[in-house]
Amino acid sequence: MIMQQYGDVVWRTAWRLLRNDADVRDCFQETFISAMEAGRRGEIRNWPGLLQRIATARALDLLRKQKSYKLFVSQSDHDAVTQAADPVRQVLDSELMDQLRAALRELPSQQSEIFCLRHLNEMSYEEISAEMGLSVDHVGVLLHRARGRLRELLVSEDIGLQQNRKVNHV
């Protein structure tokens, strides 16, 4: 019943981070197993919130386990994300998506989870607070730290890419 009702939410949550069918299937299965275990321990007040949180955490765990994660995006998915016909723009957007996933692996787990819940799952600070058992202020602090660290990681990654491009063009 829960899987039928919220399966799409879990699949979309995992897909946003993983973009690989096999990994998404693993994450999907692990999410529902963990949710059922949580349900046995006590009453669940917010199934969608719990499932999104577990799916996000499991997807991030899978990303961290992968040494050299490569993004698998179909052309139709990529076109939907970029909404641009410019092939150069598509390549740059794909590189940015790869960089974001790599940077998320570098964050402390709570920060990356909160960042994904807020920006990928569009949960409010209040929803994240209730789901994670943190104050709204603490969610804000962790989100601020995550954004700052991501900014640092993405800027340093972008500088490295620019230097590699210059070397390759010489």
N, C-alpha and C. Protein backbone atom coordinates (compact mmCIF):
# COMPACT_ATOMS: atom_id res chain seq x y z
N MET A 1 0.81 -1.19 0.00
CA MET A 1 0.00 0.00 0.00
C MET A 1 0.87 1.27 0.00
N ILE A 2 1.82 1.34 0.93
CA ILE A 2 2.70 2.51 1.00
C ILE A 2 3.53 2.61 -0.27
N MET A 3 4.03 1.49 -0.77
CA MET A 3 4.86 1.51 -1.97
C MET A 3 4.05 1.97 -3.18
N GLN A 4 2.82 1.51 -3.28
CA GLN A 4 1.98 1.94 -4.40
C GLN A 4 1.66 3.43 -4.30
N GLN A 5 1.42 3.89 -3.10
CA GLN A 5 1.02 5.28 -2.90
C GLN A 5 2.18 6.25 -3.10
N TYR A 6 3.37 5.88 -2.64
CA TYR A 6 4.49 6.81 -2.64
C TYR A 6 5.68 6.36 -3.48
N GLY A 7 5.52 5.29 -4.24
CA GLY A 7 6.62 4.78 -5.06
C GLY A 7 7.17 5.81 -6.04
N ASP A 8 6.29 6.58 -6.66
CA ASP A 8 6.74 7.59 -7.62
C ASP A 8 7.60 8.66 -6.95
N VAL A 9 7.23 9.05 -5.74
CA VAL A 9 7.99 10.06 -5.00
C VAL A 9 9.40 9.54 -4.72
N VAL A 10 9.49 8.30 -4.26
CA VAL A 10 10.79 7.71 -3.95
C VAL A 10 11.63 7.57 -5.22
N TRP A 11 11.02 7.11 -6.30
CA TRP A 11 11.76 6.93 -7.55
C TRP A 11 12.32 8.27 -8.05
N ARG A 12 11.48 9.31 -8.06
CA ARG A 12 11.93 10.63 -8.53
C ARG A 12 13.05 11.17 -7.65
N THR A 13 12.92 10.99 -6.34
CA THR A 13 13.95 11.46 -5.41
C THR A 13 15.28 10.80 -5.71
N ALA A 14 15.28 9.49 -5.86
CA ALA A 14 16.52 8.76 -6.14
C ALA A 14 17.06 9.10 -7.53
N TRP A 15 16.18 9.23 -8.50
CA TRP A 15 16.60 9.51 -9.87
C TRP A 15 17.31 10.85 -9.99
N ARG A 16 16.84 11.84 -9.26
CA ARG A 16 17.46 13.18 -9.32
C ARG A 16 18.94 13.14 -8.97
N LEU A 17 19.31 12.24 -8.09
CA LEU A 17 20.70 12.15 -7.67
C LEU A 17 21.50 11.10 -8.43
N LEU A 18 20.89 9.98 -8.75
CA LEU A 18 21.65 8.85 -9.26
C LEU A 18 21.67 8.74 -10.78
N ARG A 19 20.54 8.96 -11.44
CA ARG A 19 20.44 8.92 -12.91
C ARG A 19 20.92 7.60 -13.52
N ASN A 20 20.78 6.53 -12.78
CA ASN A 20 21.17 5.21 -13.26
C ASN A 20 20.13 4.22 -12.76
N ASP A 21 19.48 3.51 -13.69
CA ASP A 21 18.36 2.63 -13.33
C ASP A 21 18.73 1.61 -12.26
N ALA A 22 19.86 0.96 -12.40
CA ALA A 22 20.24 -0.07 -11.42
C ALA A 22 20.43 0.53 -10.03
N ASP A 23 21.09 1.67 -9.96
CA ASP A 23 21.31 2.33 -8.68
C ASP A 23 19.99 2.82 -8.09
N VAL A 24 19.12 3.35 -8.93
CA VAL A 24 17.83 3.84 -8.46
C VAL A 24 16.99 2.67 -7.92
N ARG A 25 17.03 1.53 -8.60
CA ARG A 25 16.28 0.36 -8.12
C ARG A 25 16.79 -0.08 -6.74
N ASP A 26 18.12 -0.11 -6.57
CA ASP A 26 18.69 -0.47 -5.28
C ASP A 26 18.24 0.52 -4.19
N CYS A 27 18.33 1.79 -4.51
CA CYS A 27 17.94 2.83 -3.57
C CYS A 27 16.45 2.72 -3.22
N PHE A 28 15.64 2.47 -4.22
CA PHE A 28 14.20 2.33 -4.05
C PHE A 28 13.90 1.20 -3.06
N GLN A 29 14.53 0.07 -3.29
CA GLN A 29 14.31 -1.09 -2.43
C GLN A 29 14.79 -0.81 -1.00
N GLU A 30 15.98 -0.28 -0.86
CA GLU A 30 16.53 0.02 0.46
C GLU A 30 15.66 1.04 1.20
N THR A 31 15.11 1.99 0.47
CA THR A 31 14.27 3.01 1.08
C THR A 31 13.03 2.39 1.71
N PHE A 32 12.36 1.53 0.98
CA PHE A 32 11.14 0.93 1.52
C PHE A 32 11.43 -0.06 2.64
N ILE A 33 12.55 -0.76 2.57
CA ILE A 33 12.92 -1.65 3.67
C ILE A 33 13.17 -0.83 4.94
N SER A 34 13.92 0.26 4.81
CA SER A 34 14.19 1.12 5.96
C SER A 34 12.91 1.75 6.50
N ALA A 35 12.03 2.15 5.61
CA ALA A 35 10.77 2.78 6.04
C ALA A 35 9.89 1.79 6.79
N MET A 36 9.85 0.55 6.32
CA MET A 36 9.04 -0.46 7.01
C MET A 36 9.61 -0.74 8.40
N GLU A 37 10.94 -0.77 8.51
CA GLU A 37 11.57 -0.95 9.82
C GLU A 37 11.21 0.21 10.74
N ALA A 38 11.23 1.43 10.21
CA ALA A 38 10.85 2.60 11.01
C ALA A 38 9.39 2.51 11.43
N GLY A 39 8.54 2.02 10.55
CA GLY A 39 7.12 1.87 10.85
C GLY A 39 6.88 0.86 11.97
N ARG A 40 7.71 -0.16 12.04
CA ARG A 40 7.58 -1.15 13.11
C ARG A 40 7.97 -0.57 14.47
N ARG A 41 8.88 0.41 14.46
CA ARG A 41 9.35 1.01 15.70
C ARG A 41 8.38 2.04 16.25
N GLY A 42 7.54 2.60 15.42
CA GLY A 42 6.60 3.62 15.89
C GLY A 42 5.74 4.14 14.77
N GLU A 43 4.79 4.98 15.13
CA GLU A 43 3.87 5.54 14.15
C GLU A 43 4.59 6.56 13.28
N ILE A 44 4.32 6.52 11.98
CA ILE A 44 4.89 7.47 11.03
C ILE A 44 3.82 8.51 10.73
N ARG A 45 4.13 9.76 11.02
CA ARG A 45 3.16 10.84 10.80
C ARG A 45 3.21 11.39 9.38
N ASN A 46 4.36 11.29 8.74
CA ASN A 46 4.52 11.91 7.42
C ASN A 46 5.28 10.94 6.51
N TRP A 47 4.56 10.03 5.88
CA TRP A 47 5.19 9.04 5.01
C TRP A 47 5.98 9.66 3.86
N PRO A 48 5.41 10.65 3.13
CA PRO A 48 6.20 11.21 2.02
C PRO A 48 7.51 11.85 2.49
N GLY A 49 7.45 12.57 3.60
CA GLY A 49 8.67 13.20 4.13
C GLY A 49 9.71 12.18 4.54
N LEU A 50 9.26 11.14 5.26
CA LEU A 50 10.18 10.09 5.69
C LEU A 50 10.80 9.39 4.48
N LEU A 51 9.98 9.06 3.51
CA LEU A 51 10.48 8.35 2.33
C LEU A 51 11.45 9.20 1.53
N GLN A 52 11.17 10.49 1.39
CA GLN A 52 12.10 11.37 0.67
C GLN A 52 13.42 11.48 1.41
N ARG A 53 13.34 11.58 2.73
CA ARG A 53 14.56 11.68 3.51
C ARG A 53 15.39 10.41 3.38
N ILE A 54 14.75 9.25 3.53
CA ILE A 54 15.50 7.99 3.43
C ILE A 54 16.06 7.82 2.02
N ALA A 55 15.26 8.10 0.99
CA ALA A 55 15.73 7.95 -0.39
C ALA A 55 16.91 8.88 -0.67
N THR A 56 16.84 10.09 -0.16
CA THR A 56 17.94 11.04 -0.34
C THR A 56 19.21 10.54 0.34
N ALA A 57 19.06 10.07 1.58
CA ALA A 57 20.22 9.57 2.31
C ALA A 57 20.82 8.34 1.63
N ARG A 58 19.98 7.42 1.18
CA ARG A 58 20.47 6.21 0.51
C ARG A 58 21.15 6.55 -0.82
N ALA A 59 20.57 7.49 -1.57
CA ALA A 59 21.17 7.89 -2.85
C ALA A 59 22.53 8.54 -2.61
N LEU A 60 22.61 9.40 -1.61
CA LEU A 60 23.90 10.03 -1.30
C LEU A 60 24.92 8.99 -0.84
N ASP A 61 24.47 8.00 -0.07
CA ASP A 61 25.37 6.90 0.33
C ASP A 61 25.92 6.18 -0.90
N LEU A 62 25.05 5.90 -1.87
CA LEU A 62 25.50 5.23 -3.09
C LEU A 62 26.51 6.10 -3.85
N LEU A 63 26.25 7.40 -3.92
CA LEU A 63 27.20 8.29 -4.60
C LEU A 63 28.56 8.28 -3.91
N ARG A 64 28.55 8.28 -2.59
CA ARG A 64 29.81 8.28 -1.84
C ARG A 64 30.59 6.99 -2.03
N LYS A 65 29.89 5.88 -2.22
CA LYS A 65 30.55 4.58 -2.39
C LYS A 65 31.21 4.44 -3.76
N GLN A 66 30.73 5.19 -4.70
CA GLN A 66 31.26 5.08 -6.06
C GLN A 66 32.50 5.93 -6.21
N LYS A 67 33.57 5.32 -6.64
CA LYS A 67 34.85 6.01 -6.76
C LYS A 67 34.83 7.06 -7.87
N SER A 68 34.44 6.67 -9.04
CA SER A 68 34.41 7.61 -10.15
C SER A 68 33.03 7.57 -10.77
N TYR A 69 32.11 8.27 -10.14
CA TYR A 69 30.72 8.27 -10.59
C TYR A 69 30.60 9.01 -11.91
N LYS A 70 29.98 8.38 -12.87
CA LYS A 70 29.69 9.02 -14.15
C LYS A 70 28.19 9.16 -14.27
N LEU A 71 27.76 10.29 -14.69
CA LEU A 71 26.33 10.56 -14.84
C LEU A 71 25.80 9.89 -16.09
N PHE A 72 24.70 9.18 -15.95
CA PHE A 72 24.03 8.56 -17.08
C PHE A 72 22.75 9.33 -17.33
N VAL A 73 22.74 10.12 -18.38
CA VAL A 73 21.56 10.92 -18.68
C VAL A 73 21.17 10.65 -20.13
N SER A 74 19.92 10.31 -20.34
CA SER A 74 19.46 10.12 -21.70
C SER A 74 19.34 11.49 -22.36
N GLN A 75 19.34 11.53 -23.66
CA GLN A 75 19.26 12.81 -24.36
C GLN A 75 17.95 13.52 -24.04
N SER A 76 16.85 12.79 -23.93
CA SER A 76 15.56 13.44 -23.62
C SER A 76 15.59 14.05 -22.22
N ASP A 77 16.20 13.35 -21.25
CA ASP A 77 16.32 13.92 -19.90
C ASP A 77 17.18 15.18 -19.95
N HIS A 78 18.27 15.09 -20.69
CA HIS A 78 19.18 16.23 -20.74
C HIS A 78 18.50 17.42 -21.40
N ASP A 79 17.75 17.19 -22.48
CA ASP A 79 17.03 18.27 -23.14
C ASP A 79 16.00 18.89 -22.22
N ALA A 80 15.33 18.06 -21.43
CA ALA A 80 14.32 18.58 -20.51
C ALA A 80 14.96 19.45 -19.44
N VAL A 81 16.15 19.07 -19.00
CA VAL A 81 16.84 19.85 -17.97
C VAL A 81 17.36 21.16 -18.56
N THR A 82 18.02 21.10 -19.70
CA THR A 82 18.65 22.29 -20.24
C THR A 82 17.70 23.16 -21.03
N GLN A 83 16.71 22.56 -21.67
CA GLN A 83 15.76 23.28 -22.52
C GLN A 83 16.51 24.16 -23.53
N ALA A 84 17.60 23.64 -24.02
CA ALA A 84 18.39 24.39 -24.98
C ALA A 84 18.81 23.47 -26.11
N ALA A 85 18.82 24.00 -27.31
CA ALA A 85 19.24 23.21 -28.46
C ALA A 85 20.75 23.30 -28.68
N ASP A 86 21.38 24.20 -27.98
CA ASP A 86 22.80 24.44 -28.14
C ASP A 86 23.61 23.28 -27.56
N PRO A 87 24.33 22.51 -28.39
CA PRO A 87 25.08 21.37 -27.89
C PRO A 87 26.18 21.76 -26.90
N VAL A 88 26.79 22.91 -27.08
CA VAL A 88 27.83 23.36 -26.15
C VAL A 88 27.21 23.60 -24.77
N ARG A 89 26.03 24.23 -24.75
CA ARG A 89 25.33 24.49 -23.49
C ARG A 89 24.97 23.17 -22.79
N GLN A 90 24.56 22.18 -23.57
CA GLN A 90 24.21 20.88 -23.01
C GLN A 90 25.41 20.21 -22.37
N VAL A 91 26.55 20.28 -23.02
CA VAL A 91 27.77 19.68 -22.47
C VAL A 91 28.16 20.38 -21.18
N LEU A 92 28.11 21.70 -21.18
CA LEU A 92 28.45 22.46 -19.99
C LEU A 92 27.50 22.16 -18.83
N ASP A 93 26.21 22.05 -19.13
CA ASP A 93 25.23 21.71 -18.10
C ASP A 93 25.47 20.31 -17.55
N SER A 94 25.82 19.39 -18.43
CA SER A 94 26.11 18.03 -17.99
C SER A 94 27.33 18.00 -17.08
N GLU A 95 28.37 18.77 -17.44
CA GLU A 95 29.56 18.87 -16.60
C GLU A 95 29.21 19.45 -15.24
N LEU A 96 28.36 20.46 -15.21
CA LEU A 96 27.96 21.07 -13.95
C LEU A 96 27.21 20.07 -13.08
N MET A 97 26.34 19.27 -13.68
CA MET A 97 25.60 18.26 -12.93
C MET A 97 26.57 17.23 -12.34
N ASP A 98 27.55 16.82 -13.12
CA ASP A 98 28.57 15.89 -12.61
C ASP A 98 29.33 16.52 -11.45
N GLN A 99 29.70 17.78 -11.59
CA GLN A 99 30.45 18.47 -10.54
C GLN A 99 29.61 18.59 -9.26
N LEU A 100 28.33 18.88 -9.40
CA LEU A 100 27.47 18.99 -8.22
C LEU A 100 27.38 17.66 -7.50
N ARG A 101 27.19 16.57 -8.23
CA ARG A 101 27.12 15.26 -7.59
C ARG A 101 28.43 14.92 -6.87
N ALA A 102 29.54 15.23 -7.51
CA ALA A 102 30.84 14.97 -6.88
C ALA A 102 31.01 15.84 -5.63
N ALA A 103 30.59 17.09 -5.70
CA ALA A 103 30.71 17.98 -4.55
C ALA A 103 29.80 17.54 -3.41
N LEU A 104 28.61 17.05 -3.72
CA LEU A 104 27.70 16.57 -2.68
C LEU A 104 28.30 15.40 -1.91
N ARG A 105 29.10 14.58 -2.60
CA ARG A 105 29.77 13.46 -1.93
C ARG A 105 30.78 13.95 -0.90
N GLU A 106 31.31 15.15 -1.10
CA GLU A 106 32.34 15.68 -0.21
C GLU A 106 31.78 16.33 1.05
N LEU A 107 30.51 16.67 1.04
CA LEU A 107 29.90 17.32 2.21
C LEU A 107 29.65 16.32 3.32
N PRO A 108 29.60 16.80 4.57
CA PRO A 108 29.13 15.93 5.65
C PRO A 108 27.71 15.45 5.31
N SER A 109 27.39 14.23 5.71
CA SER A 109 26.13 13.62 5.27
C SER A 109 24.90 14.45 5.62
N GLN A 110 24.86 15.04 6.81
CA GLN A 110 23.68 15.81 7.20
C GLN A 110 23.51 17.05 6.31
N GLN A 111 24.62 17.69 5.97
CA GLN A 111 24.56 18.87 5.10
C GLN A 111 24.10 18.50 3.70
N SER A 112 24.66 17.43 3.14
CA SER A 112 24.25 17.05 1.78
C SER A 112 22.80 16.61 1.76
N GLU A 113 22.36 15.93 2.81
CA GLU A 113 20.97 15.49 2.87
C GLU A 113 20.03 16.69 2.93
N ILE A 114 20.35 17.65 3.78
CA ILE A 114 19.50 18.85 3.90
C ILE A 114 19.50 19.64 2.60
N PHE A 115 20.65 19.77 1.96
CA PHE A 115 20.73 20.48 0.68
C PHE A 115 19.81 19.82 -0.35
N CYS A 116 19.87 18.50 -0.45
CA CYS A 116 19.05 17.77 -1.42
C CYS A 116 17.57 17.86 -1.09
N LEU A 117 17.23 17.72 0.19
CA LEU A 117 15.82 17.83 0.57
C LEU A 117 15.27 19.21 0.22
N ARG A 118 16.07 20.22 0.43
CA ARG A 118 15.60 21.59 0.15
C ARG A 118 15.57 21.90 -1.34
N HIS A 119 16.65 21.61 -2.03
CA HIS A 119 16.78 22.09 -3.41
C HIS A 119 16.36 21.07 -4.47
N LEU A 120 16.45 19.80 -4.19
CA LEU A 120 16.02 18.81 -5.17
C LEU A 120 14.59 18.34 -4.90
N ASN A 121 14.24 18.21 -3.62
CA ASN A 121 12.90 17.74 -3.27
C ASN A 121 11.96 18.89 -2.91
N GLU A 122 12.50 20.09 -2.88
CA GLU A 122 11.73 21.31 -2.62
C GLU A 122 10.93 21.26 -1.32
N MET A 123 11.53 20.65 -0.29
CA MET A 123 10.90 20.64 1.03
C MET A 123 11.21 21.97 1.72
N SER A 124 10.28 22.44 2.53
CA SER A 124 10.48 23.68 3.27
C SER A 124 11.41 23.44 4.46
N TYR A 125 11.92 24.52 5.03
CA TYR A 125 12.75 24.41 6.22
C TYR A 125 11.96 23.68 7.33
N GLU A 126 10.69 24.02 7.44
CA GLU A 126 9.85 23.42 8.48
C GLU A 126 9.67 21.93 8.26
N GLU A 127 9.47 21.52 7.01
CA GLU A 127 9.32 20.09 6.70
C GLU A 127 10.62 19.34 6.99
N ILE A 128 11.73 19.92 6.61
CA ILE A 128 13.03 19.29 6.87
C ILE A 128 13.26 19.20 8.37
N SER A 129 12.94 20.26 9.08
CA SER A 129 13.09 20.30 10.53
C SER A 129 12.30 19.18 11.20
N ALA A 130 11.05 19.05 10.81
CA ALA A 130 10.19 18.01 11.40
C ALA A 130 10.71 16.62 11.06
N GLU A 131 11.15 16.43 9.84
CA GLU A 131 11.59 15.11 9.39
C GLU A 131 12.91 14.70 10.03
N MET A 132 13.81 15.65 10.22
CA MET A 132 15.13 15.31 10.73
C MET A 132 15.27 15.51 12.24
N GLY A 133 14.23 16.06 12.85
CA GLY A 133 14.29 16.27 14.30
C GLY A 133 15.24 17.37 14.70
N LEU A 134 15.36 18.38 13.86
CA LEU A 134 16.24 19.52 14.12
C LEU A 134 15.39 20.78 14.22
N SER A 135 15.93 21.81 14.84
CA SER A 135 15.22 23.08 14.85
C SER A 135 15.30 23.70 13.45
N VAL A 136 14.36 24.56 13.15
CA VAL A 136 14.36 25.26 11.86
C VAL A 136 15.65 26.07 11.71
N ASP A 137 16.08 26.69 12.81
CA ASP A 137 17.33 27.46 12.77
C ASP A 137 18.53 26.58 12.44
N HIS A 138 18.58 25.38 13.03
CA HIS A 138 19.69 24.48 12.77
C HIS A 138 19.68 24.02 11.31
N VAL A 139 18.50 23.77 10.77
CA VAL A 139 18.38 23.43 9.35
C VAL A 139 18.96 24.56 8.51
N GLY A 140 18.61 25.80 8.86
CA GLY A 140 19.12 26.96 8.12
C GLY A 140 20.63 27.07 8.19
N VAL A 141 21.18 26.83 9.38
CA VAL A 141 22.64 26.90 9.55
C VAL A 141 23.33 25.82 8.70
N LEU A 142 22.82 24.59 8.78
CA LEU A 142 23.43 23.50 8.00
C LEU A 142 23.30 23.73 6.51
N LEU A 143 22.17 24.28 6.08
CA LEU A 143 21.98 24.58 4.67
C LEU A 143 22.93 25.68 4.22
N HIS A 144 23.11 26.69 5.06
CA HIS A 144 24.04 27.77 4.75
C HIS A 144 25.47 27.22 4.60
N ARG A 145 25.87 26.36 5.54
CA ARG A 145 27.20 25.75 5.47
C ARG A 145 27.35 24.89 4.21
N ALA A 146 26.30 24.14 3.89
CA ALA A 146 26.36 23.28 2.70
C ALA A 146 26.52 24.12 1.44
N ARG A 147 25.75 25.19 1.34
CA ARG A 147 25.86 26.05 0.16
C ARG A 147 27.25 26.66 0.04
N GLY A 148 27.78 27.12 1.17
CA GLY A 148 29.12 27.72 1.16
C GLY A 148 30.18 26.73 0.72
N ARG A 149 30.12 25.53 1.28
CA ARG A 149 31.11 24.51 0.92
C ARG A 149 30.95 24.06 -0.53
N LEU A 150 29.70 23.92 -0.98
CA LEU A 150 29.48 23.57 -2.39
C LEU A 150 30.04 24.65 -3.31
N ARG A 151 29.84 25.89 -2.92
CA ARG A 151 30.37 27.00 -3.72
C ARG A 151 31.89 26.87 -3.84
N GLU A 152 32.55 26.61 -2.70
CA GLU A 152 34.01 26.45 -2.71
C GLU A 152 34.43 25.28 -3.60
N LEU A 153 33.75 24.16 -3.43
CA LEU A 153 34.10 22.96 -4.20
C LEU A 153 33.86 23.17 -5.70
N LEU A 154 32.75 23.80 -6.03
CA LEU A 154 32.44 23.99 -7.45
C LEU A 154 33.36 25.02 -8.09
N VAL A 155 33.74 26.04 -7.36
CA VAL A 155 34.67 27.04 -7.90
C VAL A 155 36.04 26.41 -8.12
N SER A 156 36.52 25.63 -7.14
CA SER A 156 37.83 24.99 -7.30
C SER A 156 37.79 23.98 -8.43
N GLU A 157 36.68 23.26 -8.59
CA GLU A 157 36.52 22.30 -9.68
C GLU A 157 36.50 23.03 -11.02
N ASP A 158 35.81 24.16 -11.07
CA ASP A 158 35.72 24.94 -12.30
C ASP A 158 37.09 25.49 -12.68
N ILE A 159 37.87 25.91 -11.72
CA ILE A 159 39.23 26.41 -12.00
C ILE A 159 40.08 25.27 -12.56
N GLY A 160 39.95 24.07 -11.97
CA GLY A 160 40.69 22.91 -12.46
C GLY A 160 40.30 22.55 -13.88
N LEU A 161 39.00 22.61 -14.20
CA LEU A 161 38.54 22.31 -15.56
C LEU A 161 39.08 23.34 -16.55
N GLN A 162 39.06 24.61 -16.16
CA GLN A 162 39.56 25.66 -17.05
C GLN A 162 41.05 25.47 -17.33
N GLN A 163 41.81 25.10 -16.29
CA GLN A 163 43.24 24.88 -16.49
C GLN A 163 43.48 23.68 -17.41
N ASN A 164 42.70 22.61 -17.24
CA ASN A 164 42.85 21.44 -18.10
C ASN A 164 42.50 21.79 -19.54
N ARG A 165 41.47 22.61 -19.74
CA ARG A 165 41.09 23.00 -21.11
C ARG A 165 42.21 23.82 -21.75
N LYS A 166 42.84 24.71 -20.99
CA LYS A 166 43.92 25.52 -21.53
C LYS A 166 45.11 24.64 -21.93
N VAL A 167 45.43 23.65 -21.10
CA VAL A 167 46.54 22.75 -21.41
C VAL A 167 46.21 21.94 -22.66
N ASN A 168 44.99 21.47 -22.78
CA ASN A 168 44.60 20.66 -23.92
C ASN A 168 44.56 21.46 -25.22
N HIS A 169 44.34 22.76 -25.12
CA HIS A 169 44.27 23.59 -26.32
C HIS A 169 45.63 24.10 -26.77
N VAL A 170 46.66 23.95 -25.95
CA VAL A 170 47.98 24.46 -26.30
C VAL A 170 48.70 23.52 -27.21
